[in-house]
């Protein structure tokens, strides 16, 4: 004798609900975190009217990963990931 169709449907529904709940509980939460990009080079040039030669130049961008956006439309051959934030330059 086969089980009643309604009891099979209820059993399947409970199994699916438990699977979804388990996946939800195991999934980590997405969280934005602080990020710092830093680039250091030796350069020569002028800052206003003040020249500098072979100076260490450090550029630093402090931001958050929630600010990251994708730009694939400006130049489809070279899509960009963009991040905005506070930038400082030390010479």
PDB file of N, CA and C in Angstrom:
ATOM      1  N   UNK A   1       0.838  -1.169   0.000  1.00  0.00           N
ATOM      2  CA  UNK A   1       0.000   0.000   0.000  1.00  0.00           C
ATOM      3  C   UNK A   1       0.887   1.237   0.000  1.00  0.00           C
ATOM      4  N   UNK A   2       0.620   2.165  -0.909  1.00  0.00           N
ATOM      5  CA  UNK A   2       1.445   3.364  -1.005  1.00  0.00           C
ATOM      6  C   UNK A   2       0.959   4.428  -0.021  1.00  0.00           C
ATOM      7  N   UNK A   3       1.887   5.314   0.409  1.00  0.00           N
ATOM      8  CA  UNK A   3       1.481   6.358   1.365  1.00  0.00           C
ATOM      9  C   UNK A   3       0.484   7.320   0.733  1.00  0.00           C
ATOM     10  N   UNK A   4      -0.268   7.947   1.569  1.00  0.00           N
ATOM     11  CA  UNK A   4      -1.265   8.911   1.122  1.00  0.00           C
ATOM     12  C   UNK A   4      -0.545  10.078   0.429  1.00  0.00           C
ATOM     13  N   UNK A   5      -1.031  10.546  -0.743  1.00  0.00           N
ATOM     14  CA  UNK A   5      -0.358  11.616  -1.489  1.00  0.00           C
ATOM     15  C   UNK A   5      -0.154  12.893  -0.672  1.00  0.00           C
ATOM     16  N   UNK A   6      -1.092  13.205   0.217  1.00  0.00           N
ATOM     17  CA  UNK A   6      -0.951  14.418   1.010  1.00  0.00           C
ATOM     18  C   UNK A   6       0.196  14.282   2.005  1.00  0.00           C
ATOM     19  N   UNK A   7       0.393  13.094   2.591  1.00  0.00           N
ATOM     20  CA  UNK A   7       1.491  12.914   3.552  1.00  0.00           C
ATOM     21  C   UNK A   7       2.843  12.972   2.846  1.00  0.00           C
ATOM     22  N   UNK A   8       2.906  12.508   1.598  1.00  0.00           N
ATOM     23  CA  UNK A   8       4.145  12.597   0.826  1.00  0.00           C
ATOM     24  C   UNK A   8       4.457  14.060   0.543  1.00  0.00           C
ATOM     25  N   UNK A   9       3.449  14.844   0.189  1.00  0.00           N
ATOM     26  CA  UNK A   9       3.631  16.269  -0.097  1.00  0.00           C
ATOM     27  C   UNK A   9       4.099  17.006   1.157  1.00  0.00           C
ATOM     28  N   UNK A  10       3.514  16.711   2.288  1.00  0.00           N
ATOM     29  CA  UNK A  10       3.905  17.350   3.545  1.00  0.00           C
ATOM     30  C   UNK A  10       5.344  16.982   3.886  1.00  0.00           C
ATOM     31  N   UNK A  11       5.711  15.704   3.736  1.00  0.00           N
ATOM     32  CA  UNK A  11       7.071  15.246   4.032  1.00  0.00           C
ATOM     33  C   UNK A  11       8.074  15.958   3.133  1.00  0.00           C
ATOM     34  N   UNK A  12       7.754  16.102   1.825  1.00  0.00           N
ATOM     35  CA  UNK A  12       8.656  16.791   0.898  1.00  0.00           C
ATOM     36  C   UNK A  12       8.767  18.273   1.259  1.00  0.00           C
ATOM     37  N   UNK A  13       7.661  18.883   1.631  1.00  0.00           N
ATOM     38  CA  UNK A  13       7.670  20.293   2.007  1.00  0.00           C
ATOM     39  C   UNK A  13       8.527  20.526   3.248  1.00  0.00           C
ATOM     40  N   UNK A  14       8.409  19.643   4.228  1.00  0.00           N
ATOM     41  CA  UNK A  14       9.214  19.764   5.446  1.00  0.00           C
ATOM     42  C   UNK A  14      10.687  19.565   5.116  1.00  0.00           C
ATOM     43  N   UNK A  15      11.015  18.613   4.254  1.00  0.00           N
ATOM     44  CA  UNK A  15      12.403  18.369   3.867  1.00  0.00           C
ATOM     45  C   UNK A  15      12.994  19.583   3.170  1.00  0.00           C
ATOM     46  N   UNK A  16      12.252  20.175   2.258  1.00  0.00           N
ATOM     47  CA  UNK A  16      12.724  21.370   1.546  1.00  0.00           C
ATOM     48  C   UNK A  16      12.897  22.527   2.523  1.00  0.00           C
ATOM     49  N   UNK A  17      11.944  22.726   3.421  1.00  0.00           N
ATOM     50  CA  UNK A  17      12.030  23.809   4.393  1.00  0.00           C
ATOM     51  C   UNK A  17      13.252  23.645   5.298  1.00  0.00           C
ATOM     52  N   UNK A  18      13.522  22.430   5.745  1.00  0.00           N
ATOM     53  CA  UNK A  18      14.695  22.180   6.587  1.00  0.00           C
ATOM     54  C   UNK A  18      15.993  22.393   5.814  1.00  0.00           C
ATOM     55  N   UNK A  19      16.018  22.013   4.551  1.00  0.00           N
ATOM     56  CA  UNK A  19      17.213  22.220   3.726  1.00  0.00           C
ATOM     57  C   UNK A  19      17.478  23.711   3.536  1.00  0.00           C
ATOM     58  N   UNK A  20      16.435  24.480   3.245  1.00  0.00           N
ATOM     59  CA  UNK A  20      16.588  25.935   3.069  1.00  0.00           C
ATOM     60  C   UNK A  20      17.045  26.575   4.378  1.00  0.00           C
ATOM     61  N   UNK A  21      16.473  26.171   5.488  1.00  0.00           N
ATOM     62  CA  UNK A  21      16.869  26.700   6.788  1.00  0.00           C
ATOM     63  C   UNK A  21      18.329  26.362   7.086  1.00  0.00           C
ATOM     64  N   UNK A  22      18.735  25.143   6.796  1.00  0.00           N
ATOM     65  CA  UNK A  22      20.124  24.740   7.029  1.00  0.00           C
ATOM     66  C   UNK A  22      21.101  25.539   6.189  1.00  0.00           C
ATOM     67  N   UNK A  23      20.775  25.747   4.931  1.00  0.00           N
ATOM     68  CA  UNK A  23      21.642  26.545   4.050  1.00  0.00           C
ATOM     69  C   UNK A  23      21.722  27.972   4.570  1.00  0.00           C
ATOM     70  N   UNK A  24      20.596  28.515   4.977  1.00  0.00           N
ATOM     71  CA  UNK A  24      20.573  29.882   5.491  1.00  0.00           C
ATOM     72  C   UNK A  24      21.430  30.013   6.752  1.00  0.00           C
ATOM     73  N   UNK A  25      21.345  29.049   7.632  1.00  0.00           N
ATOM     74  CA  UNK A  25      22.107  29.112   8.878  1.00  0.00           C
ATOM     75  C   UNK A  25      23.610  28.927   8.642  1.00  0.00           C
ATOM     76  N   UNK A  26      23.985  28.158   7.631  1.00  0.00           N
ATOM     77  CA  UNK A  26      25.395  27.912   7.355  1.00  0.00           C
ATOM     78  C   UNK A  26      26.033  29.033   6.544  1.00  0.00           C
ATOM     79  N   UNK A  27      25.233  29.796   5.836  1.00  0.00           N
ATOM     80  CA  UNK A  27      25.777  30.854   4.973  1.00  0.00           C
ATOM     81  C   UNK A  27      26.323  31.983   5.832  1.00  0.00           C
ATOM     82  N   UNK A  28      27.498  32.468   5.471  1.00  0.00           N
ATOM     83  CA  UNK A  28      28.084  33.596   6.174  1.00  0.00           C
ATOM     84  C   UNK A  28      27.425  34.887   5.735  1.00  0.00           C
ATOM     85  N   UNK A  29      27.458  35.847   6.594  1.00  0.00           N
ATOM     86  CA  UNK A  29      26.905  37.152   6.254  1.00  0.00           C
ATOM     87  C   UNK A  29      27.933  37.952   5.484  1.00  0.00           C
ATOM     88  N   UNK A  30      27.469  38.692   4.504  1.00  0.00           N
ATOM     89  CA  UNK A  30      28.344  39.588   3.761  1.00  0.00           C
ATOM     90  C   UNK A  30      28.560  40.831   4.610  1.00  0.00           C
ATOM     91  N   UNK A  31      29.798  41.242   4.703  1.00  0.00           N
ATOM     92  CA  UNK A  31      30.102  42.423   5.499  1.00  0.00           C
ATOM     93  C   UNK A  31      31.141  43.267   4.780  1.00  0.00           C
ATOM     94  N   UNK A  32      30.917  44.556   4.797  1.00  0.00           N
ATOM     95  CA  UNK A  32      31.888  45.475   4.213  1.00  0.00           C
ATOM     96  C   UNK A  32      32.977  45.737   5.245  1.00  0.00           C
ATOM     97  N   UNK A  33      34.204  45.788   4.784  1.00  0.00           N
ATOM     98  CA  UNK A  33      35.315  46.060   5.686  1.00  0.00           C
ATOM     99  C   UNK A  33      36.173  47.173   5.103  1.00  0.00           C
ATOM    100  N   UNK A  34      36.940  47.792   5.960  1.00  0.00           N
ATOM    101  CA  UNK A  34      37.839  48.846   5.518  1.00  0.00           C
ATOM    102  C   UNK A  34      38.945  48.280   4.645  1.00  0.00           C
ATOM    103  N   UNK A  35      39.387  49.103   3.702  1.00  0.00           N
ATOM    104  CA  UNK A  35      40.458  48.678   2.809  1.00  0.00           C
ATOM    105  C   UNK A  35      41.350  49.893   2.544  1.00  0.00           C
ATOM    106  N   UNK A  36      42.662  49.660   2.441  1.00  0.00           N
ATOM    107  CA  UNK A  36      43.612  50.719   2.129  1.00  0.00           C
ATOM    108  C   UNK A  36      44.450  50.285   0.940  1.00  0.00           C
ATOM    109  N   UNK A  37      44.478  51.129  -0.088  1.00  0.00           N
ATOM    110  CA  UNK A  37      45.338  50.906  -1.248  1.00  0.00           C
ATOM    111  C   UNK A  37      46.520  51.854  -1.095  1.00  0.00           C
ATOM    112  N   UNK A  38      47.726  51.339  -1.333  1.00  0.00           N
ATOM    113  CA  UNK A  38      48.904  52.188  -1.193  1.00  0.00           C
ATOM    114  C   UNK A  38      49.878  51.907  -2.324  1.00  0.00           C
ATOM    115  N   UNK A  39      50.406  52.990  -2.909  1.00  0.00           N
ATOM    116  CA  UNK A  39      51.390  52.854  -3.965  1.00  0.00           C
ATOM    117  C   UNK A  39      52.521  53.827  -3.666  1.00  0.00           C
ATOM    118  N   UNK A  40      53.753  53.330  -3.723  1.00  0.00           N
ATOM    119  CA  UNK A  40      54.922  54.158  -3.463  1.00  0.00           C
ATOM    120  C   UNK A  40      55.845  54.103  -4.671  1.00  0.00           C
ATOM    121  N   UNK A  41      56.292  55.289  -5.104  1.00  0.00           N
ATOM    122  CA  UNK A  41      57.210  55.391  -6.243  1.00  0.00           C
ATOM    123  C   UNK A  41      58.263  56.445  -5.938  1.00  0.00           C
ATOM    124  N   UNK A  42      59.346  56.397  -6.662  1.00  0.00           N
ATOM    125  CA  UNK A  42      60.343  57.469  -6.628  1.00  0.00           C
ATOM    126  C   UNK A  42      60.097  58.321  -7.857  1.00  0.00           C
ATOM    127  N   UNK A  43      59.931  59.628  -7.645  1.00  0.00           N
ATOM    128  CA  UNK A  43      59.554  60.501  -8.760  1.00  0.00           C
ATOM    129  C   UNK A  43      60.240  61.852  -8.647  1.00  0.00           C
ATOM    130  N   UNK A  44      60.264  62.543  -9.766  1.00  0.00           N
ATOM    131  CA  UNK A  44      60.751  63.921  -9.832  1.00  0.00           C
ATOM    132  C   UNK A  44      59.663  64.757 -10.483  1.00  0.00           C
ATOM    133  N   UNK A  45      59.572  66.018 -10.085  1.00  0.00           N
ATOM    134  CA  UNK A  45      58.565  66.891 -10.666  1.00  0.00           C
ATOM    135  C   UNK A  45      58.482  68.189  -9.914  1.00  0.00           C
ATOM    136  N   UNK A  46      57.355  68.834  -9.999  1.00  0.00           N
ATOM    137  CA  UNK A  46      57.125  70.064  -9.252  1.00  0.00           C
ATOM    138  C   UNK A  46      55.765  69.990  -8.582  1.00  0.00           C
ATOM    139  N   UNK A  47      55.680  70.635  -7.460  1.00  0.00           N
ATOM    140  CA  UNK A  47      54.417  70.771  -6.741  1.00  0.00           C
ATOM    141  C   UNK A  47      54.194  72.265  -6.615  1.00  0.00           C
ATOM    142  N   UNK A  48      53.311  72.790  -7.463  1.00  0.00           N
ATOM    143  CA  UNK A  48      53.202  74.245  -7.575  1.00  0.00           C
ATOM    144  C   UNK A  48      54.495  74.744  -8.207  1.00  0.00           C
ATOM    145  N   UNK A  49      55.206  75.626  -7.510  1.00  0.00           N
ATOM    146  CA  UNK A  49      56.482  76.157  -8.018  1.00  0.00           C
ATOM    147  C   UNK A  49      57.675  75.469  -7.359  1.00  0.00           C
ATOM    148  N   UNK A  50      57.426  74.472  -6.521  1.00  0.00           N
ATOM    149  CA  UNK A  50      58.511  73.815  -5.771  1.00  0.00           C
ATOM    150  C   UNK A  50      58.918  72.515  -6.470  1.00  0.00           C
ATOM    151  N   UNK A  51      60.166  72.456  -6.973  1.00  0.00           N
ATOM    152  CA  UNK A  51      60.614  71.221  -7.625  1.00  0.00           C
ATOM    153  C   UNK A  51      61.054  70.180  -6.590  1.00  0.00           C
ATOM    154  N   UNK A  52      60.952  68.909  -6.988  1.00  0.00           N
ATOM    155  CA  UNK A  52      61.514  67.817  -6.184  1.00  0.00           C
ATOM    156  C   UNK A  52      62.146  66.810  -7.130  1.00  0.00           C
ATOM    157  N   UNK A  53      63.217  66.180  -6.647  1.00  0.00           N
ATOM    158  CA  UNK A  53      63.976  65.241  -7.472  1.00  0.00           C
ATOM    159  C   UNK A  53      64.178  63.943  -6.704  1.00  0.00           C
ATOM    160  N   UNK A  54      63.902  62.819  -7.359  1.00  0.00           N
ATOM    161  CA  UNK A  54      64.074  61.482  -6.766  1.00  0.00           C
ATOM    162  C   UNK A  54      63.454  61.391  -5.369  1.00  0.00           C
ATOM    163  N   UNK A  55      62.282  61.950  -5.210  1.00  0.00           N
ATOM    164  CA  UNK A  55      61.587  61.925  -3.923  1.00  0.00           C
ATOM    165  C   UNK A  55      60.694  60.697  -3.840  1.00  0.00           C
ATOM    166  N   UNK A  56      60.531  60.189  -2.634  1.00  0.00           N
ATOM    167  CA  UNK A  56      59.622  59.071  -2.394  1.00  0.00           C
ATOM    168  C   UNK A  56      58.202  59.639  -2.340  1.00  0.00           C
ATOM    169  N   UNK A  57      57.331  59.183  -3.233  1.00  0.00           N
ATOM    170  CA  UNK A  57      55.945  59.654  -3.301  1.00  0.00           C
ATOM    171  C   UNK A  57      55.040  58.484  -2.929  1.00  0.00           C
ATOM    172  N   UNK A  58      54.201  58.692  -1.919  1.00  0.00           N
ATOM    173  CA  UNK A  58      53.272  57.642  -1.486  1.00  0.00           C
ATOM    174  C   UNK A  58      51.850  58.149  -1.678  1.00  0.00           C
ATOM    175  N   UNK A  59      51.062  57.391  -2.424  1.00  0.00           N
ATOM    176  CA  UNK A  59      49.640  57.677  -2.619  1.00  0.00           C
ATOM    177  C   UNK A  59      48.854  56.623  -1.854  1.00  0.00           C
ATOM    178  N   UNK A  60      47.885  57.078  -1.058  1.00  0.00           N
ATOM    179  CA  UNK A  60      47.120  56.163  -0.210  1.00  0.00           C
ATOM    180  C   UNK A  60      45.634  56.487  -0.331  1.00  0.00           C
ATOM    181  N   UNK A  61      44.824  55.473  -0.595  1.00  0.00           N
ATOM    182  CA  UNK A  61      43.368  55.608  -0.648  1.00  0.00           C
ATOM    183  C   UNK A  61      42.790  54.759   0.473  1.00  0.00           C
ATOM    184  N   UNK A  62      42.030  55.393   1.363  1.00  0.00           N
ATOM    185  CA  UNK A  62      41.363  54.683   2.458  1.00  0.00           C
ATOM    186  C   UNK A  62      39.880  54.672   2.144  1.00  0.00           C
ATOM    187  N   UNK A  63      39.295  53.484   2.147  1.00  0.00           N
ATOM    188  CA  UNK A  63      37.899  53.359   1.755  1.00  0.00           C
ATOM    189  C   UNK A  63      37.258  52.176   2.456  1.00  0.00           C
ATOM    190  N   UNK A  64      36.173  51.704   1.888  1.00  0.00           N
ATOM    191  CA  UNK A  64      35.406  50.588   2.418  1.00  0.00           C
ATOM    192  C   UNK A  64      34.994  49.715   1.246  1.00  0.00           C
ATOM    193  N   UNK A  65      34.963  48.418   1.428  1.00  0.00           N
ATOM    194  CA  UNK A  65      34.624  47.530   0.323  1.00  0.00           C
ATOM    195  C   UNK A  65      33.188  47.714  -0.160  1.00  0.00           C
ATOM    196  N   UNK A  66      32.339  48.351   0.646  1.00  0.00           N
ATOM    197  CA  UNK A  66      30.961  48.601   0.196  1.00  0.00           C
ATOM    198  C   UNK A  66      30.909  49.688  -0.874  1.00  0.00           C
ATOM    199  N   UNK A  67      32.002  50.439  -1.055  1.00  0.00           N
ATOM    200  CA  UNK A  67      32.052  51.497  -2.066  1.00  0.00           C
ATOM    201  C   UNK A  67      32.477  50.977  -3.441  1.00  0.00           C
ATOM    202  N   UNK A  68      32.856  49.726  -3.553  1.00  0.00           N
ATOM    203  CA  UNK A  68      33.360  49.189  -4.814  1.00  0.00           C
ATOM    204  C   UNK A  68      32.221  49.062  -5.821  1.00  0.00           C
ATOM    205  N   UNK A  69      32.467  49.586  -7.030  1.00  0.00           N
ATOM    206  CA  UNK A  69      31.492  49.465  -8.114  1.00  0.00           C
ATOM    207  C   UNK A  69      32.205  48.940  -9.357  1.00  0.00           C
ATOM    208  N   UNK A  70      31.443  48.376 -10.264  1.00  0.00           N
ATOM    209  CA  UNK A  70      31.999  47.832 -11.499  1.00  0.00           C
ATOM    210  C   UNK A  70      31.619  48.730 -12.656  1.00  0.00           C
ATOM    211  N   UNK A  71      32.597  49.068 -13.494  1.00  0.00           N
ATOM    212  CA  UNK A  71      32.350  49.875 -14.684  1.00  0.00           C
ATOM    213  C   UNK A  71      32.850  49.094 -15.889  1.00  0.00           C
ATOM    214  N   UNK A  72      31.940  48.417 -16.561  1.00  0.00           N
ATOM    215  CA  UNK A  72      32.306  47.668 -17.757  1.00  0.00           C
ATOM    216  C   UNK A  72      31.859  48.360 -19.028  1.00  0.00           C
ATOM    217  N   UNK A  73      31.171  49.509 -18.875  1.00  0.00           N
ATOM    218  CA  UNK A  73      30.614  50.183 -20.043  1.00  0.00           C
ATOM    219  C   UNK A  73      31.543  51.226 -20.645  1.00  0.00           C
ATOM    220  N   UNK A  74      32.356  51.894 -19.818  1.00  0.00           N
ATOM    221  CA  UNK A  74      33.210  52.965 -20.318  1.00  0.00           C
ATOM    222  C   UNK A  74      34.164  52.454 -21.390  1.00  0.00           C
ATOM    223  N   UNK A  75      34.825  51.340 -21.098  1.00  0.00           N
ATOM    224  CA  UNK A  75      35.725  50.717 -22.074  1.00  0.00           C
ATOM    225  C   UNK A  75      35.586  49.209 -21.918  1.00  0.00           C
ATOM    226  N   UNK A  76      34.689  48.571 -22.677  1.00  0.00           N
ATOM    227  CA  UNK A  76      34.434  47.136 -22.512  1.00  0.00           C
ATOM    228  C   UNK A  76      35.676  46.253 -22.647  1.00  0.00           C
ATOM    229  N   UNK A  77      36.696  46.724 -23.360  1.00  0.00           N
ATOM    230  CA  UNK A  77      37.916  45.928 -23.496  1.00  0.00           C
ATOM    231  C   UNK A  77      38.710  45.891 -22.187  1.00  0.00           C
ATOM    232  N   UNK A  78      38.537  46.917 -21.354  1.00  0.00           N
ATOM    233  CA  UNK A  78      39.251  47.002 -20.074  1.00  0.00           C
ATOM    234  C   UNK A  78      38.283  47.411 -18.967  1.00  0.00           C
ATOM    235  N   UNK A  79      37.416  46.486 -18.524  1.00  0.00           N
ATOM    236  CA  UNK A  79      36.458  46.837 -17.470  1.00  0.00           C
ATOM    237  C   UNK A  79      37.202  47.183 -16.174  1.00  0.00           C
ATOM    238  N   UNK A  80      36.608  48.060 -15.388  1.00  0.00           N
ATOM    239  CA  UNK A  80      37.256  48.550 -14.175  1.00  0.00           C
ATOM    240  C   UNK A  80      36.418  48.267 -12.939  1.00  0.00           C
ATOM    241  N   UNK A  81      37.107  47.974 -11.844  1.00  0.00           N
ATOM    242  CA  UNK A  81      36.494  47.972 -10.525  1.00  0.00           C
ATOM    243  C   UNK A  81      36.914  49.288  -9.894  1.00  0.00           C
ATOM    244  N   UNK A  82      35.962  50.086  -9.460  1.00  0.00           N
ATOM    245  CA  UNK A  82      36.236  51.412  -8.917  1.00  0.00           C
ATOM    246  C   UNK A  82      35.941  51.439  -7.425  1.00  0.00           C
ATOM    247  N   UNK A  83      36.748  52.208  -6.692  1.00  0.00           N
ATOM    248  CA  UNK A  83      36.514  52.388  -5.269  1.00  0.00           C
ATOM    249  C   UNK A  83      36.790  53.841  -4.924  1.00  0.00           C
ATOM    250  N   UNK A  84      35.834  54.500  -4.314  1.00  0.00           N
ATOM    251  CA  UNK A  84      36.014  55.892  -3.932  1.00  0.00           C
ATOM    252  C   UNK A  84      36.361  55.985  -2.458  1.00  0.00           C
ATOM    253  N   UNK A  85      37.071  57.017  -2.099  1.00  0.00           N
ATOM    254  CA  UNK A  85      37.443  57.194  -0.709  1.00  0.00           C
ATOM    255  C   UNK A  85      38.335  58.409  -0.555  1.00  0.00           C
ATOM    256  N   UNK A  86      38.969  58.528   0.587  1.00  0.00           N
ATOM    257  CA  UNK A  86      39.859  59.642   0.879  1.00  0.00           C
ATOM    258  C   UNK A  86      41.266  59.278   0.403  1.00  0.00           C
ATOM    259  N   UNK A  87      41.849  60.147  -0.440  1.00  0.00           N
ATOM    260  CA  UNK A  87      43.184  59.899  -0.975  1.00  0.00           C
ATOM    261  C   UNK A  87      44.157  60.932  -0.428  1.00  0.00           C
ATOM    262  N   UNK A  88      45.328  60.471  -0.001  1.00  0.00           N
ATOM    263  CA  UNK A  88      46.394  61.373   0.427  1.00  0.00           C
ATOM    264  C   UNK A  88      47.634  61.069  -0.392  1.00  0.00           C
ATOM    265  N   UNK A  89      48.438  62.112  -0.618  1.00  0.00           N
ATOM    266  CA  UNK A  89      49.709  61.973  -1.317  1.00  0.00           C
ATOM    267  C   UNK A  89      50.782  62.589  -0.441  1.00  0.00           C
ATOM    268  N   UNK A  90      51.797  61.802  -0.105  1.00  0.00           N
ATOM    269  CA  UNK A  90      52.934  62.268   0.688  1.00  0.00           C
ATOM    270  C   UNK A  90      54.171  62.310  -0.190  1.00  0.00           C
ATOM    271  N   UNK A  91      54.877  63.444  -0.144  1.00  0.00           N
ATOM    272  CA  UNK A  91      56.132  63.574  -0.906  1.00  0.00           C
ATOM    273  C   UNK A  91      57.236  63.901   0.080  1.00  0.00           C
TER     274      UNK A  91
END
